[in-house]
Amino acid sequence: MKKIIFAGVFIILIISSCSTDENEFMSNGTISGIDFRKCSCCGGYFIDINDSTYRFYTLPTGSEVTLENPVFPIYVKLDWAKADTVCLGDEIKVLNIKLR
């Protein structure tokens, strides 16, 4: 009987410890290019999230996504928030990011 209980508990622990990447991030996004416009609030990178286009300037330290010599589009999963200081109103801060 103890073996059956142990096996049941073991299976429940294994199943409950599994997680999907879909639940780990709040959004899917596509980094679509560099903002080459010449204005005081321009620059950074364009990212499409949920049918809206935003801009961000930097990625979190240690992320697996690199923007050195990028080939667009780059498909990502990310956690993000509206930027604290905004100029054009489309700026976000990328909190966590991973390639899809």
N, C-alpha and C. Protein backbone atom coordinates (compact mmCIF):
# COMPACT_ATOMS: atom_id res chain seq x y z
N MET A 1 0.82 -1.20 0.00
CA MET A 1 0.00 0.00 0.00
C MET A 1 0.87 1.26 0.00
N LYS A 2 1.96 1.21 0.77
CA LYS A 2 2.86 2.37 0.83
C LYS A 2 3.45 2.68 -0.55
N LYS A 3 3.73 1.63 -1.33
CA LYS A 3 4.30 1.83 -2.67
C LYS A 3 3.32 2.54 -3.58
N ILE A 4 2.05 2.20 -3.46
CA ILE A 4 1.03 2.84 -4.30
C ILE A 4 0.88 4.31 -3.91
N ILE A 5 0.84 4.60 -2.62
CA ILE A 5 0.73 5.98 -2.16
C ILE A 5 1.96 6.77 -2.60
N PHE A 6 3.15 6.20 -2.42
CA PHE A 6 4.38 6.88 -2.82
C PHE A 6 4.38 7.16 -4.32
N ALA A 7 3.96 6.17 -5.13
CA ALA A 7 3.92 6.35 -6.58
C ALA A 7 2.92 7.45 -6.95
N GLY A 8 1.77 7.47 -6.29
CA GLY A 8 0.76 8.49 -6.56
C GLY A 8 1.25 9.89 -6.23
N VAL A 9 1.87 10.02 -5.06
CA VAL A 9 2.42 11.31 -4.66
C VAL A 9 3.51 11.74 -5.63
N PHE A 10 4.37 10.83 -6.04
CA PHE A 10 5.46 11.12 -6.97
C PHE A 10 4.89 11.62 -8.30
N ILE A 11 3.88 10.96 -8.82
CA ILE A 11 3.27 11.36 -10.10
C ILE A 11 2.62 12.74 -9.98
N ILE A 12 1.94 12.99 -8.87
CA ILE A 12 1.31 14.30 -8.67
C ILE A 12 2.38 15.40 -8.61
N LEU A 13 3.48 15.15 -7.93
CA LEU A 13 4.56 16.14 -7.86
C LEU A 13 5.16 16.41 -9.23
N ILE A 14 5.36 15.38 -10.01
CA ILE A 14 5.92 15.55 -11.35
C ILE A 14 4.98 16.39 -12.21
N ILE A 15 3.71 16.05 -12.21
CA ILE A 15 2.74 16.76 -13.03
C ILE A 15 2.61 18.21 -12.59
N SER A 16 2.57 18.47 -11.29
CA SER A 16 2.38 19.83 -10.81
C SER A 16 3.62 20.70 -11.01
N SER A 17 4.79 20.09 -11.14
CA SER A 17 6.00 20.88 -11.34
C SER A 17 6.20 21.28 -12.80
N CYS A 18 5.48 20.65 -13.70
CA CYS A 18 5.58 21.00 -15.12
C CYS A 18 4.86 22.32 -15.35
N SER A 19 5.48 23.18 -16.14
CA SER A 19 4.83 24.43 -16.52
C SER A 19 5.08 24.68 -17.98
N THR A 20 4.21 25.44 -18.59
CA THR A 20 4.40 25.78 -19.99
C THR A 20 4.90 27.21 -20.09
N ASP A 21 5.64 27.49 -21.14
CA ASP A 21 6.16 28.84 -21.35
C ASP A 21 5.04 29.85 -21.56
N GLU A 22 3.89 29.39 -22.03
CA GLU A 22 2.78 30.31 -22.26
C GLU A 22 2.38 31.01 -20.98
N ASN A 23 2.49 30.33 -19.84
CA ASN A 23 2.09 30.90 -18.57
C ASN A 23 3.20 31.71 -17.92
N GLU A 24 4.42 31.59 -18.41
CA GLU A 24 5.54 32.28 -17.79
C GLU A 24 5.64 33.75 -18.20
N PHE A 25 5.09 34.11 -19.33
CA PHE A 25 5.22 35.47 -19.85
C PHE A 25 3.84 36.06 -20.11
N MET A 26 3.73 37.37 -19.97
CA MET A 26 2.42 38.00 -20.13
C MET A 26 2.03 38.23 -21.59
N SER A 27 3.02 38.31 -22.51
CA SER A 27 2.68 38.62 -23.91
C SER A 27 3.64 37.95 -24.88
N ASN A 28 3.15 37.75 -26.09
CA ASN A 28 4.01 37.42 -27.22
C ASN A 28 4.23 38.72 -27.98
N GLY A 29 5.42 38.87 -28.53
CA GLY A 29 5.72 40.09 -29.27
C GLY A 29 6.62 39.81 -30.45
N THR A 30 6.70 40.79 -31.33
CA THR A 30 7.59 40.71 -32.49
C THR A 30 8.40 41.99 -32.56
N ILE A 31 9.70 41.88 -32.38
CA ILE A 31 10.57 43.04 -32.54
C ILE A 31 10.72 43.23 -34.04
N SER A 32 10.22 44.35 -34.55
CA SER A 32 10.11 44.52 -36.00
C SER A 32 11.17 45.41 -36.62
N GLY A 33 11.90 46.18 -35.83
CA GLY A 33 12.93 47.01 -36.43
C GLY A 33 13.43 48.10 -35.50
N ILE A 34 14.34 48.88 -36.04
CA ILE A 34 14.97 49.98 -35.32
C ILE A 34 14.25 51.28 -35.67
N ASP A 35 14.06 52.13 -34.68
CA ASP A 35 13.46 53.45 -34.92
C ASP A 35 14.57 54.41 -35.35
N PHE A 36 14.65 54.68 -36.65
CA PHE A 36 15.69 55.55 -37.21
C PHE A 36 15.26 57.01 -37.30
N ARG A 37 14.06 57.34 -36.82
CA ARG A 37 13.59 58.72 -36.91
C ARG A 37 14.54 59.65 -36.16
N LYS A 38 14.61 60.89 -36.60
CA LYS A 38 15.48 61.89 -36.00
C LYS A 38 14.64 62.90 -35.23
N CYS A 39 14.40 62.63 -33.97
CA CYS A 39 13.70 63.59 -33.11
C CYS A 39 14.19 63.37 -31.69
N SER A 40 13.87 64.27 -30.80
CA SER A 40 14.40 64.18 -29.44
C SER A 40 13.84 62.99 -28.67
N CYS A 41 12.70 62.47 -29.06
CA CYS A 41 12.07 61.34 -28.35
C CYS A 41 12.18 60.04 -29.13
N CYS A 42 12.82 60.04 -30.26
CA CYS A 42 12.87 58.86 -31.12
C CYS A 42 14.05 57.97 -30.74
N GLY A 43 14.13 56.86 -31.42
CA GLY A 43 15.20 55.90 -31.20
C GLY A 43 14.65 54.64 -30.55
N GLY A 44 15.51 53.67 -30.36
CA GLY A 44 15.10 52.41 -29.77
C GLY A 44 14.65 51.43 -30.82
N TYR A 45 13.81 50.50 -30.41
CA TYR A 45 13.34 49.41 -31.26
C TYR A 45 11.83 49.36 -31.23
N PHE A 46 11.23 49.02 -32.38
CA PHE A 46 9.79 48.83 -32.46
C PHE A 46 9.47 47.39 -32.08
N ILE A 47 8.39 47.21 -31.31
CA ILE A 47 7.91 45.89 -30.98
C ILE A 47 6.39 45.87 -31.09
N ASP A 48 5.86 44.86 -31.75
CA ASP A 48 4.42 44.69 -31.92
C ASP A 48 3.91 43.72 -30.87
N ILE A 49 2.94 44.18 -30.07
CA ILE A 49 2.33 43.37 -29.02
C ILE A 49 0.81 43.58 -29.10
N ASN A 50 0.07 42.50 -29.24
CA ASN A 50 -1.40 42.55 -29.25
C ASN A 50 -1.95 43.63 -30.18
N ASP A 51 -1.55 43.64 -31.41
CA ASP A 51 -2.04 44.58 -32.42
C ASP A 51 -1.69 46.04 -32.14
N SER A 52 -0.73 46.29 -31.29
CA SER A 52 -0.23 47.65 -31.04
C SER A 52 1.28 47.67 -31.22
N THR A 53 1.80 48.81 -31.62
CA THR A 53 3.24 48.96 -31.79
C THR A 53 3.77 49.87 -30.70
N TYR A 54 4.81 49.41 -30.02
CA TYR A 54 5.46 50.16 -28.95
C TYR A 54 6.94 50.30 -29.29
N ARG A 55 7.64 51.05 -28.46
CA ARG A 55 9.10 51.16 -28.59
C ARG A 55 9.74 50.88 -27.24
N PHE A 56 10.94 50.31 -27.29
CA PHE A 56 11.74 50.14 -26.09
C PHE A 56 13.18 50.49 -26.43
N TYR A 57 13.93 50.83 -25.41
CA TYR A 57 15.31 51.27 -25.63
C TYR A 57 16.34 50.21 -25.25
N THR A 58 16.08 49.45 -24.20
CA THR A 58 17.05 48.47 -23.74
C THR A 58 16.36 47.17 -23.35
N LEU A 59 17.16 46.12 -23.29
CA LEU A 59 16.68 44.82 -22.82
C LEU A 59 17.26 44.55 -21.44
N PRO A 60 16.63 43.70 -20.66
CA PRO A 60 17.17 43.39 -19.33
C PRO A 60 18.55 42.73 -19.44
N THR A 61 19.38 43.01 -18.47
CA THR A 61 20.71 42.41 -18.43
C THR A 61 20.59 40.90 -18.33
N GLY A 62 21.37 40.20 -19.14
CA GLY A 62 21.40 38.75 -19.10
C GLY A 62 20.33 38.06 -19.93
N SER A 63 19.56 38.81 -20.71
CA SER A 63 18.52 38.16 -21.52
C SER A 63 19.18 37.42 -22.68
N GLU A 64 18.50 36.39 -23.16
CA GLU A 64 19.04 35.61 -24.28
C GLU A 64 18.83 36.30 -25.62
N VAL A 65 18.04 37.33 -25.65
CA VAL A 65 17.79 38.09 -26.89
C VAL A 65 18.90 39.13 -27.02
N THR A 66 19.52 39.16 -28.17
CA THR A 66 20.56 40.16 -28.42
C THR A 66 20.14 41.03 -29.60
N LEU A 67 20.47 42.29 -29.53
CA LEU A 67 20.12 43.21 -30.61
C LEU A 67 21.35 43.71 -31.36
N GLU A 68 22.45 42.98 -31.20
CA GLU A 68 23.65 43.28 -31.99
C GLU A 68 23.53 42.54 -33.31
N ASN A 69 23.60 43.27 -34.41
CA ASN A 69 23.43 42.72 -35.76
C ASN A 69 22.13 41.92 -35.87
N PRO A 70 21.00 42.53 -35.55
CA PRO A 70 19.73 41.78 -35.55
C PRO A 70 19.22 41.48 -36.95
N VAL A 71 18.49 40.39 -37.06
CA VAL A 71 17.77 40.04 -38.27
C VAL A 71 16.29 40.07 -37.90
N PHE A 72 15.56 41.04 -38.43
CA PHE A 72 14.16 41.23 -38.09
C PHE A 72 13.27 40.44 -39.03
N PRO A 73 12.12 39.98 -38.58
CA PRO A 73 11.53 40.13 -37.25
C PRO A 73 12.12 39.13 -36.26
N ILE A 74 12.08 39.51 -34.98
CA ILE A 74 12.51 38.63 -33.89
C ILE A 74 11.28 38.33 -33.05
N TYR A 75 10.92 37.06 -32.97
CA TYR A 75 9.72 36.64 -32.25
C TYR A 75 10.09 36.33 -30.80
N VAL A 76 9.39 36.97 -29.87
CA VAL A 76 9.74 36.87 -28.45
C VAL A 76 8.51 36.67 -27.58
N LYS A 77 8.76 36.24 -26.35
CA LYS A 77 7.79 36.25 -25.25
C LYS A 77 8.35 37.24 -24.25
N LEU A 78 7.50 38.05 -23.63
CA LEU A 78 8.04 39.05 -22.73
C LEU A 78 7.06 39.48 -21.65
N ASP A 79 7.63 40.00 -20.59
CA ASP A 79 6.91 40.74 -19.56
C ASP A 79 7.30 42.19 -19.76
N TRP A 80 6.34 43.09 -19.68
CA TRP A 80 6.64 44.50 -19.95
C TRP A 80 5.67 45.38 -19.17
N ALA A 81 6.03 46.65 -19.11
CA ALA A 81 5.18 47.66 -18.47
C ALA A 81 5.37 48.97 -19.22
N LYS A 82 4.37 49.82 -19.14
CA LYS A 82 4.51 51.15 -19.72
C LYS A 82 5.67 51.85 -19.04
N ALA A 83 6.45 52.60 -19.79
CA ALA A 83 7.60 53.31 -19.24
C ALA A 83 7.14 54.39 -18.27
N ASP A 84 7.93 54.61 -17.23
CA ASP A 84 7.61 55.64 -16.24
C ASP A 84 7.66 57.04 -16.84
N THR A 85 8.69 57.29 -17.63
CA THR A 85 8.82 58.59 -18.28
C THR A 85 8.58 58.38 -19.76
N VAL A 86 7.56 59.04 -20.27
CA VAL A 86 7.21 58.86 -21.68
C VAL A 86 7.32 60.19 -22.41
N CYS A 87 7.62 60.08 -23.68
CA CYS A 87 7.73 61.28 -24.50
C CYS A 87 6.67 61.25 -25.60
N LEU A 88 6.67 60.19 -26.39
CA LEU A 88 5.68 60.05 -27.45
C LEU A 88 4.49 59.21 -27.01
N GLY A 89 4.61 58.54 -25.86
CA GLY A 89 3.52 57.73 -25.33
C GLY A 89 3.52 56.28 -25.75
N ASP A 90 4.48 55.88 -26.58
CA ASP A 90 4.52 54.49 -27.03
C ASP A 90 5.68 53.71 -26.40
N GLU A 91 6.32 54.28 -25.40
CA GLU A 91 7.49 53.65 -24.80
C GLU A 91 7.09 52.63 -23.74
N ILE A 92 7.80 51.50 -23.76
CA ILE A 92 7.61 50.48 -22.72
C ILE A 92 8.96 50.11 -22.14
N LYS A 93 8.91 49.46 -21.00
CA LYS A 93 10.11 48.91 -20.38
C LYS A 93 9.98 47.39 -20.44
N VAL A 94 10.96 46.72 -21.02
CA VAL A 94 10.96 45.27 -21.10
C VAL A 94 11.52 44.74 -19.78
N LEU A 95 10.71 43.96 -19.08
CA LEU A 95 11.10 43.44 -17.76
C LEU A 95 11.77 42.08 -17.86
N ASN A 96 11.30 41.25 -18.78
CA ASN A 96 11.83 39.90 -18.97
C ASN A 96 11.51 39.52 -20.41
N ILE A 97 12.45 38.83 -21.07
CA ILE A 97 12.25 38.52 -22.49
C ILE A 97 12.93 37.22 -22.83
N LYS A 98 12.33 36.48 -23.76
CA LYS A 98 12.87 35.21 -24.20
C LYS A 98 12.46 34.99 -25.66
N LEU A 99 13.29 34.33 -26.43
CA LEU A 99 12.95 34.00 -27.81
C LEU A 99 11.81 32.98 -27.83
N ARG A 100 10.92 33.11 -28.82
CA ARG A 100 9.85 32.11 -29.00
C ARG A 100 10.36 31.00 -29.87
